[in-house]
Amino acid sequence: MGQGTTVTLLLPRSARAPRRAPSELADIESTDGRRALKGSILLVEDEDEVASLVIEMLRELGYRITRVASAQTALGALMDDRDINLVFTDV
């Protein structure tokens, strides 16, 4: 009890350039080696309204979204070699 890992994920909330230098930001490297702040997210959400809102916000930031409604389906999506950079879930 009382042990575990804490992960903090900061996604940009604006299209404006960040105040900090790009080298200080966590990023995803694109296939051609350039730095990019966009990637592919697997959204695991069973409530349609919540999923729609999250998808809209993440797409506005430039992320590609694959949405599934259950943990079982998410595991299947991860096992079929999809290009997923991040899993976003409330489970």
PDB file of N, CA and C in Angstrom:
ATOM      1  N   MET A   1       0.837  -1.187   0.000  1.00  0.00           N
ATOM      2  CA  MET A   1       0.000   0.000   0.000  1.00  0.00           C
ATOM      3  C   MET A   1       0.876   1.242   0.000  1.00  0.00           C
ATOM      4  N   GLY A   2       0.383   2.295  -0.637  1.00  0.00           N
ATOM      5  CA  GLY A   2       1.082   3.565  -0.610  1.00  0.00           C
ATOM      6  C   GLY A   2       2.279   3.639  -1.538  1.00  0.00           C
ATOM      7  N   GLN A   3       2.433   2.660  -2.420  1.00  0.00           N
ATOM      8  CA  GLN A   3       3.550   2.667  -3.357  1.00  0.00           C
ATOM      9  C   GLN A   3       3.001   2.691  -4.774  1.00  0.00           C
ATOM     10  N   GLY A   4       3.828   3.151  -5.684  1.00  0.00           N
ATOM     11  CA  GLY A   4       3.399   3.165  -7.070  1.00  0.00           C
ATOM     12  C   GLY A   4       4.144   4.221  -7.849  1.00  0.00           C
ATOM     13  N   THR A   5       3.683   4.450  -9.044  1.00  0.00           N
ATOM     14  CA  THR A   5       4.319   5.404  -9.944  1.00  0.00           C
ATOM     15  C   THR A   5       3.351   6.537 -10.232  1.00  0.00           C
ATOM     16  N   THR A   6       3.869   7.742 -10.223  1.00  0.00           N
ATOM     17  CA  THR A   6       3.084   8.903 -10.614  1.00  0.00           C
ATOM     18  C   THR A   6       3.648   9.434 -11.912  1.00  0.00           C
ATOM     19  N   VAL A   7       2.769   9.643 -12.892  1.00  0.00           N
ATOM     20  CA  VAL A   7       3.184  10.173 -14.187  1.00  0.00           C
ATOM     21  C   VAL A   7       2.418  11.470 -14.423  1.00  0.00           C
ATOM     22  N   THR A   8       3.145  12.509 -14.791  1.00  0.00           N
ATOM     23  CA  THR A   8       2.520  13.775 -15.136  1.00  0.00           C
ATOM     24  C   THR A   8       2.654  13.973 -16.635  1.00  0.00           C
ATOM     25  N   LEU A   9       1.547  14.204 -17.293  1.00  0.00           N
ATOM     26  CA  LEU A   9       1.519  14.379 -18.744  1.00  0.00           C
ATOM     27  C   LEU A   9       1.026  15.784 -19.039  1.00  0.00           C
ATOM     28  N   LEU A  10       1.842  16.559 -19.725  1.00  0.00           N
ATOM     29  CA  LEU A  10       1.473  17.918 -20.079  1.00  0.00           C
ATOM     30  C   LEU A  10       1.266  18.006 -21.578  1.00  0.00           C
ATOM     31  N   LEU A  11       0.033  18.269 -21.996  1.00  0.00           N
ATOM     32  CA  LEU A  11      -0.288  18.447 -23.402  1.00  0.00           C
ATOM     33  C   LEU A  11      -0.456  19.944 -23.648  1.00  0.00           C
ATOM     34  N   PRO A  12      -0.018  20.435 -24.793  1.00  0.00           N
ATOM     35  CA  PRO A  12      -0.174  21.861 -25.059  1.00  0.00           C
ATOM     36  C   PRO A  12      -1.645  22.233 -25.144  1.00  0.00           C
ATOM     37  N   ARG A  13      -2.007  23.387 -24.589  1.00  0.00           N
ATOM     38  CA  ARG A  13      -3.399  23.816 -24.663  1.00  0.00           C
ATOM     39  C   ARG A  13      -3.576  25.025 -25.565  1.00  0.00           C
ATOM     40  N   SER A  14      -2.541  25.370 -26.295  1.00  0.00           N
ATOM     41  CA  SER A  14      -2.599  26.531 -27.178  1.00  0.00           C
ATOM     42  C   SER A  14      -1.798  26.253 -28.438  1.00  0.00           C
ATOM     43  N   ALA A  15      -2.189  26.894 -29.527  1.00  0.00           N
ATOM     44  CA  ALA A  15      -1.439  26.765 -30.772  1.00  0.00           C
ATOM     45  C   ALA A  15      -0.233  27.699 -30.781  1.00  0.00           C
ATOM     46  N   ARG A  16      -0.129  28.593 -29.798  1.00  0.00           N
ATOM     47  CA  ARG A  16       1.006  29.515 -29.709  1.00  0.00           C
ATOM     48  C   ARG A  16       2.274  28.774 -29.313  1.00  0.00           C
ATOM     49  N   ALA A  17       3.410  29.339 -29.664  1.00  0.00           N
ATOM     50  CA  ALA A  17       4.695  28.740 -29.318  1.00  0.00           C
ATOM     51  C   ALA A  17       4.866  28.716 -27.797  1.00  0.00           C
ATOM     52  N   PRO A  18       5.501  27.666 -27.262  1.00  0.00           N
ATOM     53  CA  PRO A  18       5.719  27.588 -25.821  1.00  0.00           C
ATOM     54  C   PRO A  18       6.729  28.636 -25.357  1.00  0.00           C
ATOM     55  N   ARG A  19       6.644  29.004 -24.093  1.00  0.00           N
ATOM     56  CA  ARG A  19       7.597  29.962 -23.521  1.00  0.00           C
ATOM     57  C   ARG A  19       8.968  29.330 -23.308  1.00  0.00           C
ATOM     58  N   ARG A  20       8.985  28.049 -22.981  1.00  0.00           N
ATOM     59  CA  ARG A  20      10.255  27.360 -22.766  1.00  0.00           C
ATOM     60  C   ARG A  20      10.844  26.914 -24.096  1.00  0.00           C
ATOM     61  N   ALA A  21      12.137  26.716 -24.110  1.00  0.00           N
ATOM     62  CA  ALA A  21      12.816  26.245 -25.315  1.00  0.00           C
ATOM     63  C   ALA A  21      12.313  24.848 -25.663  1.00  0.00           C
ATOM     64  N   PRO A  22      12.197  24.516 -26.963  1.00  0.00           N
ATOM     65  CA  PRO A  22      11.713  23.188 -27.363  1.00  0.00           C
ATOM     66  C   PRO A  22      12.508  22.037 -26.752  1.00  0.00           C
ATOM     67  N   SER A  23      13.772  22.232 -26.492  1.00  0.00           N
ATOM     68  CA  SER A  23      14.580  21.149 -25.924  1.00  0.00           C
ATOM     69  C   SER A  23      14.141  20.788 -24.515  1.00  0.00           C
ATOM     70  N   GLU A  24      13.403  21.673 -23.858  1.00  0.00           N
ATOM     71  CA  GLU A  24      12.931  21.408 -22.503  1.00  0.00           C
ATOM     72  C   GLU A  24      11.598  20.677 -22.487  1.00  0.00           C
ATOM     73  N   LEU A  25      10.961  20.532 -23.628  1.00  0.00           N
ATOM     74  CA  LEU A  25       9.643  19.918 -23.698  1.00  0.00           C
ATOM     75  C   LEU A  25       9.736  18.452 -24.077  1.00  0.00           C
ATOM     76  N   ALA A  26       8.872  17.635 -23.481  1.00  0.00           N
ATOM     77  CA  ALA A  26       8.781  16.239 -23.903  1.00  0.00           C
ATOM     78  C   ALA A  26       8.163  16.224 -25.289  1.00  0.00           C
ATOM     79  N   ASP A  27       8.659  15.389 -26.165  1.00  0.00           N
ATOM     80  CA  ASP A  27       8.105  15.363 -27.512  1.00  0.00           C
ATOM     81  C   ASP A  27       8.143  13.967 -28.092  1.00  0.00           C
ATOM     82  N   ILE A  28       7.573  13.850 -29.255  1.00  0.00           N
ATOM     83  CA  ILE A  28       7.551  12.605 -30.016  1.00  0.00           C
ATOM     84  C   ILE A  28       8.342  12.867 -31.276  1.00  0.00           C
ATOM     85  N   GLU A  29       9.270  11.993 -31.602  1.00  0.00           N
ATOM     86  CA  GLU A  29      10.078  12.205 -32.800  1.00  0.00           C
ATOM     87  C   GLU A  29       9.347  11.663 -34.018  1.00  0.00           C
ATOM     88  N   SER A  30       9.302  12.447 -35.067  1.00  0.00           N
ATOM     89  CA  SER A  30       8.626  12.019 -36.286  1.00  0.00           C
ATOM     90  C   SER A  30       9.501  11.038 -37.048  1.00  0.00           C
ATOM     91  N   THR A  31       8.923  10.409 -38.068  1.00  0.00           N
ATOM     92  CA  THR A  31       9.647   9.384 -38.811  1.00  0.00           C
ATOM     93  C   THR A  31      10.847   9.936 -39.567  1.00  0.00           C
ATOM     94  N   ASP A  32      10.851  11.235 -39.892  1.00  0.00           N
ATOM     95  CA  ASP A  32      11.994  11.794 -40.608  1.00  0.00           C
ATOM     96  C   ASP A  32      13.017  12.418 -39.661  1.00  0.00           C
ATOM     97  N   GLY A  33      12.871  12.195 -38.354  1.00  0.00           N
ATOM     98  CA  GLY A  33      13.850  12.654 -37.378  1.00  0.00           C
ATOM     99  C   GLY A  33      13.611  14.054 -36.849  1.00  0.00           C
ATOM    100  N   ARG A  34      12.621  14.774 -37.400  1.00  0.00           N
ATOM    101  CA  ARG A  34      12.327  16.116 -36.893  1.00  0.00           C
ATOM    102  C   ARG A  34      11.544  15.998 -35.592  1.00  0.00           C
ATOM    103  N   ARG A  35      11.708  16.994 -34.742  1.00  0.00           N
ATOM    104  CA  ARG A  35      10.951  17.006 -33.502  1.00  0.00           C
ATOM    105  C   ARG A  35       9.518  17.429 -33.797  1.00  0.00           C
ATOM    106  N   ALA A  36       8.563  16.798 -33.160  1.00  0.00           N
ATOM    107  CA  ALA A  36       7.162  17.130 -33.362  1.00  0.00           C
ATOM    108  C   ALA A  36       6.415  16.985 -32.051  1.00  0.00           C
ATOM    109  N   LEU A  37       5.429  17.784 -31.823  1.00  0.00           N
ATOM    110  CA  LEU A  37       4.610  17.691 -30.615  1.00  0.00           C
ATOM    111  C   LEU A  37       3.307  16.958 -30.881  1.00  0.00           C
ATOM    112  N   LYS A  38       3.191  16.345 -32.028  1.00  0.00           N
ATOM    113  CA  LYS A  38       1.968  15.631 -32.387  1.00  0.00           C
ATOM    114  C   LYS A  38       2.260  14.139 -32.469  1.00  0.00           C
ATOM    115  N   GLY A  39       1.237  13.346 -32.361  1.00  0.00           N
ATOM    116  CA  GLY A  39       1.404  11.910 -32.444  1.00  0.00           C
ATOM    117  C   GLY A  39       0.048  11.234 -32.494  1.00  0.00           C
ATOM    118  N   SER A  40       0.033   9.958 -32.225  1.00  0.00           N
ATOM    119  CA  SER A  40      -1.174   9.156 -32.292  1.00  0.00           C
ATOM    120  C   SER A  40      -1.560   8.704 -30.888  1.00  0.00           C
ATOM    121  N   ILE A  41      -2.801   8.959 -30.511  1.00  0.00           N
ATOM    122  CA  ILE A  41      -3.284   8.648 -29.163  1.00  0.00           C
ATOM    123  C   ILE A  41      -4.398   7.611 -29.243  1.00  0.00           C
ATOM    124  N   LEU A  42      -4.302   6.607 -28.388  1.00  0.00           N
ATOM    125  CA  LEU A  42      -5.374   5.622 -28.234  1.00  0.00           C
ATOM    126  C   LEU A  42      -6.219   6.073 -27.046  1.00  0.00           C
ATOM    127  N   LEU A  43      -7.446   6.480 -27.314  1.00  0.00           N
ATOM    128  CA  LEU A  43      -8.368   6.929 -26.277  1.00  0.00           C
ATOM    129  C   LEU A  43      -9.255   5.763 -25.867  1.00  0.00           C
ATOM    130  N   VAL A  44      -9.228   5.415 -24.585  1.00  0.00           N
ATOM    131  CA  VAL A  44     -10.077   4.348 -24.052  1.00  0.00           C
ATOM    132  C   VAL A  44     -11.141   5.019 -23.196  1.00  0.00           C
ATOM    133  N   GLU A  45     -12.348   5.115 -23.732  1.00  0.00           N
ATOM    134  CA  GLU A  45     -13.443   5.809 -23.032  1.00  0.00           C
ATOM    135  C   GLU A  45     -14.770   5.185 -23.419  1.00  0.00           C
ATOM    136  N   ASP A  46     -15.547   4.770 -22.411  1.00  0.00           N
ATOM    137  CA  ASP A  46     -16.811   4.096 -22.697  1.00  0.00           C
ATOM    138  C   ASP A  46     -17.999   5.052 -22.796  1.00  0.00           C
ATOM    139  N   GLU A  47     -17.868   6.289 -22.357  1.00  0.00           N
ATOM    140  CA  GLU A  47     -18.969   7.248 -22.452  1.00  0.00           C
ATOM    141  C   GLU A  47     -18.821   8.091 -23.714  1.00  0.00           C
ATOM    142  N   ASP A  48     -19.817   8.020 -24.582  1.00  0.00           N
ATOM    143  CA  ASP A  48     -19.754   8.688 -25.880  1.00  0.00           C
ATOM    144  C   ASP A  48     -19.556  10.204 -25.770  1.00  0.00           C
ATOM    145  N   GLU A  49     -20.283  10.857 -24.853  1.00  0.00           N
ATOM    146  CA  GLU A  49     -20.169  12.313 -24.729  1.00  0.00           C
ATOM    147  C   GLU A  49     -18.773  12.733 -24.274  1.00  0.00           C
ATOM    148  N   VAL A  50     -18.228  12.016 -23.312  1.00  0.00           N
ATOM    149  CA  VAL A  50     -16.880  12.321 -22.825  1.00  0.00           C
ATOM    150  C   VAL A  50     -15.870  12.085 -23.946  1.00  0.00           C
ATOM    151  N   ALA A  51     -16.018  10.961 -24.639  1.00  0.00           N
ATOM    152  CA  ALA A  51     -15.098  10.633 -25.736  1.00  0.00           C
ATOM    153  C   ALA A  51     -15.145  11.699 -26.825  1.00  0.00           C
ATOM    154  N   SER A  52     -16.330  12.155 -27.186  1.00  0.00           N
ATOM    155  CA  SER A  52     -16.465  13.175 -28.231  1.00  0.00           C
ATOM    156  C   SER A  52     -15.744  14.458 -27.845  1.00  0.00           C
ATOM    157  N   LEU A  53     -15.898  14.881 -26.602  1.00  0.00           N
ATOM    158  CA  LEU A  53     -15.240  16.099 -26.135  1.00  0.00           C
ATOM    159  C   LEU A  53     -13.724  15.949 -26.144  1.00  0.00           C
ATOM    160  N   VAL A  54     -13.231  14.843 -25.620  1.00  0.00           N
ATOM    161  CA  VAL A  54     -11.789  14.610 -25.566  1.00  0.00           C
ATOM    162  C   VAL A  54     -11.206  14.518 -26.976  1.00  0.00           C
ATOM    163  N   ILE A  55     -11.887  13.810 -27.860  1.00  0.00           N
ATOM    164  CA  ILE A  55     -11.428  13.679 -29.250  1.00  0.00           C
ATOM    165  C   ILE A  55     -11.340  15.051 -29.909  1.00  0.00           C
ATOM    166  N   GLU A  56     -12.368  15.859 -29.718  1.00  0.00           N
ATOM    167  CA  GLU A  56     -12.373  17.198 -30.315  1.00  0.00           C
ATOM    168  C   GLU A  56     -11.184  18.034 -29.813  1.00  0.00           C
ATOM    169  N   MET A  57     -10.938  17.996 -28.511  1.00  0.00           N
ATOM    170  CA  MET A  57      -9.839  18.791 -27.953  1.00  0.00           C
ATOM    171  C   MET A  57      -8.478  18.298 -28.443  1.00  0.00           C
ATOM    172  N   LEU A  58      -8.285  16.987 -28.457  1.00  0.00           N
ATOM    173  CA  LEU A  58      -6.993  16.445 -28.871  1.00  0.00           C
ATOM    174  C   LEU A  58      -6.750  16.632 -30.364  1.00  0.00           C
ATOM    175  N   ARG A  59      -7.784  16.492 -31.175  1.00  0.00           N
ATOM    176  CA  ARG A  59      -7.633  16.720 -32.619  1.00  0.00           C
ATOM    177  C   ARG A  59      -7.305  18.181 -32.906  1.00  0.00           C
ATOM    178  N   GLU A  60      -7.906  19.083 -32.140  1.00  0.00           N
ATOM    179  CA  GLU A  60      -7.616  20.504 -32.304  1.00  0.00           C
ATOM    180  C   GLU A  60      -6.133  20.791 -32.032  1.00  0.00           C
ATOM    181  N   LEU A  61      -5.536  20.004 -31.168  1.00  0.00           N
ATOM    182  CA  LEU A  61      -4.113  20.147 -30.866  1.00  0.00           C
ATOM    183  C   LEU A  61      -3.229  19.433 -31.880  1.00  0.00           C
ATOM    184  N   GLY A  62      -3.839  18.694 -32.818  1.00  0.00           N
ATOM    185  CA  GLY A  62      -3.075  18.071 -33.882  1.00  0.00           C
ATOM    186  C   GLY A  62      -2.766  16.601 -33.701  1.00  0.00           C
ATOM    187  N   TYR A  63      -3.391  15.955 -32.720  1.00  0.00           N
ATOM    188  CA  TYR A  63      -3.144  14.532 -32.496  1.00  0.00           C
ATOM    189  C   TYR A  63      -4.099  13.682 -33.320  1.00  0.00           C
ATOM    190  N   ARG A  64      -3.630  12.512 -33.747  1.00  0.00           N
ATOM    191  CA  ARG A  64      -4.488  11.518 -34.388  1.00  0.00           C
ATOM    192  C   ARG A  64      -5.070  10.648 -33.266  1.00  0.00           C
ATOM    193  N   ILE A  65      -6.376  10.402 -33.308  1.00  0.00           N
ATOM    194  CA  ILE A  65      -7.038   9.681 -32.233  1.00  0.00           C
ATOM    195  C   ILE A  65      -7.653   8.384 -32.744  1.00  0.00           C
ATOM    196  N   THR A  66      -7.414   7.311 -32.005  1.00  0.00           N
ATOM    197  CA  THR A  66      -8.134   6.053 -32.192  1.00  0.00           C
ATOM    198  C   THR A  66      -8.915   5.845 -30.909  1.00  0.00           C
ATOM    199  N   ARG A  67     -10.227   5.726 -31.011  1.00  0.00           N
ATOM    200  CA  ARG A  67     -11.050   5.577 -29.815  1.00  0.00           C
ATOM    201  C   ARG A  67     -11.579   4.156 -29.714  1.00  0.00           C
ATOM    202  N   VAL A  68     -11.476   3.588 -28.523  1.00  0.00           N
ATOM    203  CA  VAL A  68     -12.080   2.300 -28.207  1.00  0.00           C
ATOM    204  C   VAL A  68     -12.862   2.473 -26.911  1.00  0.00           C
ATOM    205  N   ALA A  69     -13.803   1.560 -26.654  1.00  0.00           N
ATOM    206  CA  ALA A  69     -14.688   1.730 -25.509  1.00  0.00           C
ATOM    207  C   ALA A  69     -14.366   0.837 -24.318  1.00  0.00           C
ATOM    208  N   SER A  70     -13.377  -0.056 -24.443  1.00  0.00           N
ATOM    209  CA  SER A  70     -13.080  -0.956 -23.329  1.00  0.00           C
ATOM    210  C   SER A  70     -11.596  -1.290 -23.271  1.00  0.00           C
ATOM    211  N   ALA A  71     -11.185  -1.735 -22.101  1.00  0.00           N
ATOM    212  CA  ALA A  71      -9.785  -2.138 -21.921  1.00  0.00           C
ATOM    213  C   ALA A  71      -9.447  -3.325 -22.821  1.00  0.00           C
ATOM    214  N   GLN A  72     -10.383  -4.239 -22.971  1.00  0.00           N
ATOM    215  CA  GLN A  72     -10.162  -5.420 -23.820  1.00  0.00           C
ATOM    216  C   GLN A  72      -9.900  -5.001 -25.269  1.00  0.00           C
ATOM    217  N   THR A  73     -10.698  -4.075 -25.765  1.00  0.00           N
ATOM    218  CA  THR A  73     -10.525  -3.593 -27.132  1.00  0.00           C
ATOM    219  C   THR A  73      -9.223  -2.811 -27.269  1.00  0.00           C
ATOM    220  N   ALA A  74      -8.862  -2.080 -26.234  1.00  0.00           N
ATOM    221  CA  ALA A  74      -7.597  -1.327 -26.252  1.00  0.00           C
ATOM    222  C   ALA A  74      -6.409  -2.268 -26.366  1.00  0.00           C
ATOM    223  N   LEU A  75      -6.443  -3.366 -25.626  1.00  0.00           N
ATOM    224  CA  LEU A  75      -5.351  -4.349 -25.720  1.00  0.00           C
ATOM    225  C   LEU A  75      -5.266  -4.911 -27.131  1.00  0.00           C
ATOM    226  N   GLY A  76      -6.414  -5.173 -27.747  1.00  0.00           N
ATOM    227  CA  GLY A  76      -6.422  -5.648 -29.133  1.00  0.00           C
ATOM    228  C   GLY A  76      -5.825  -4.620 -30.083  1.00  0.00           C
ATOM    229  N   ALA A  77      -6.165  -3.358 -29.889  1.00  0.00           N
ATOM    230  CA  ALA A  77      -5.627  -2.296 -30.745  1.00  0.00           C
ATOM    231  C   ALA A  77      -4.116  -2.178 -30.587  1.00  0.00           C
ATOM    232  N   LEU A  78      -3.631  -2.348 -29.374  1.00  0.00           N
ATOM    233  CA  LEU A  78      -2.185  -2.263 -29.138  1.00  0.00           C
ATOM    234  C   LEU A  78      -1.442  -3.464 -29.703  1.00  0.00           C
ATOM    235  N   MET A  79      -2.104  -4.599 -29.778  1.00  0.00           N
ATOM    236  CA  MET A  79      -1.446  -5.810 -30.251  1.00  0.00           C
ATOM    237  C   MET A  79      -1.421  -5.919 -31.770  1.00  0.00           C
ATOM    238  N   ASP A  80      -2.206  -5.108 -32.480  1.00  0.00           N
ATOM    239  CA  ASP A  80      -2.229  -5.241 -33.941  1.00  0.00           C
ATOM    240  C   ASP A  80      -1.293  -4.248 -34.641  1.00  0.00           C
ATOM    241  N   ASP A  81      -0.239  -3.855 -33.947  1.00  0.00           N
ATOM    242  CA  ASP A  81       0.841  -3.030 -34.511  1.00  0.00           C
ATOM    243  C   ASP A  81       0.386  -1.659 -35.020  1.00  0.00           C
ATOM    244  N   ARG A  82      -0.612  -1.080 -34.402  1.00  0.00           N
ATOM    245  CA  ARG A  82      -0.992   0.292 -34.745  1.00  0.00           C
ATOM    246  C   ARG A  82       0.090   1.240 -34.246  1.00  0.00           C
ATOM    247  N   ASP A  83       0.211   2.363 -34.903  1.00  0.00           N
ATOM    248  CA  ASP A  83       1.185   3.377 -34.514  1.00  0.00           C
ATOM    249  C   ASP A  83       0.589   4.222 -33.395  1.00  0.00           C
ATOM    250  N   ILE A  84       0.767   3.801 -32.149  1.00  0.00           N
ATOM    251  CA  ILE A  84       0.208   4.477 -30.978  1.00  0.00           C
ATOM    252  C   ILE A  84       1.363   5.030 -30.144  1.00  0.00           C
ATOM    253  N   ASN A  85       1.324   6.331 -29.846  1.00  0.00           N
ATOM    254  CA  ASN A  85       2.353   6.957 -29.030  1.00  0.00           C
ATOM    255  C   ASN A  85       1.935   7.106 -27.574  1.00  0.00           C
ATOM    256  N   LEU A  86       0.626   7.114 -27.325  1.00  0.00           N
ATOM    257  CA  LEU A  86       0.126   7.379 -25.978  1.00  0.00           C
ATOM    258  C   LEU A  86      -1.241   6.725 -25.793  1.00  0.00           C
ATOM    259  N   VAL A  87      -1.469   6.152 -24.617  1.00  0.00           N
ATOM    260  CA  VAL A  87      -2.789   5.627 -24.259  1.00  0.00           C
ATOM    261  C   VAL A  87      -3.387   6.595 -23.246  1.00  0.00           C
ATOM    262  N   PHE A  88      -4.585   7.094 -23.540  1.00  0.00           N
ATOM    263  CA  PHE A  88      -5.283   8.074 -22.706  1.00  0.00           C
ATOM    264  C   PHE A  88      -6.541   7.402 -22.191  1.00  0.00           C
ATOM    265  N   THR A  89      -6.621   7.152 -20.870  1.00  0.00           N
ATOM    266  CA  THR A  89      -7.755   6.430 -20.324  1.00  0.00           C
ATOM    267  C   THR A  89      -8.036   6.876 -18.898  1.00  0.00           C
ATOM    268  N   ASP A  90      -9.261   6.691 -18.453  1.00  0.00           N
ATOM    269  CA  ASP A  90      -9.619   6.999 -17.068  1.00  0.00           C
ATOM    270  C   ASP A  90      -9.668   5.738 -16.215  1.00  0.00           C
ATOM    271  N   VAL A  91      -9.337   4.618 -16.787  1.00  0.00           N
ATOM    272  CA  VAL A  91      -9.376   3.353 -16.054  1.00  0.00           C
ATOM    273  C   VAL A  91      -8.083   3.172 -15.290  1.00  0.00           C
TER     274      VAL A  91
END
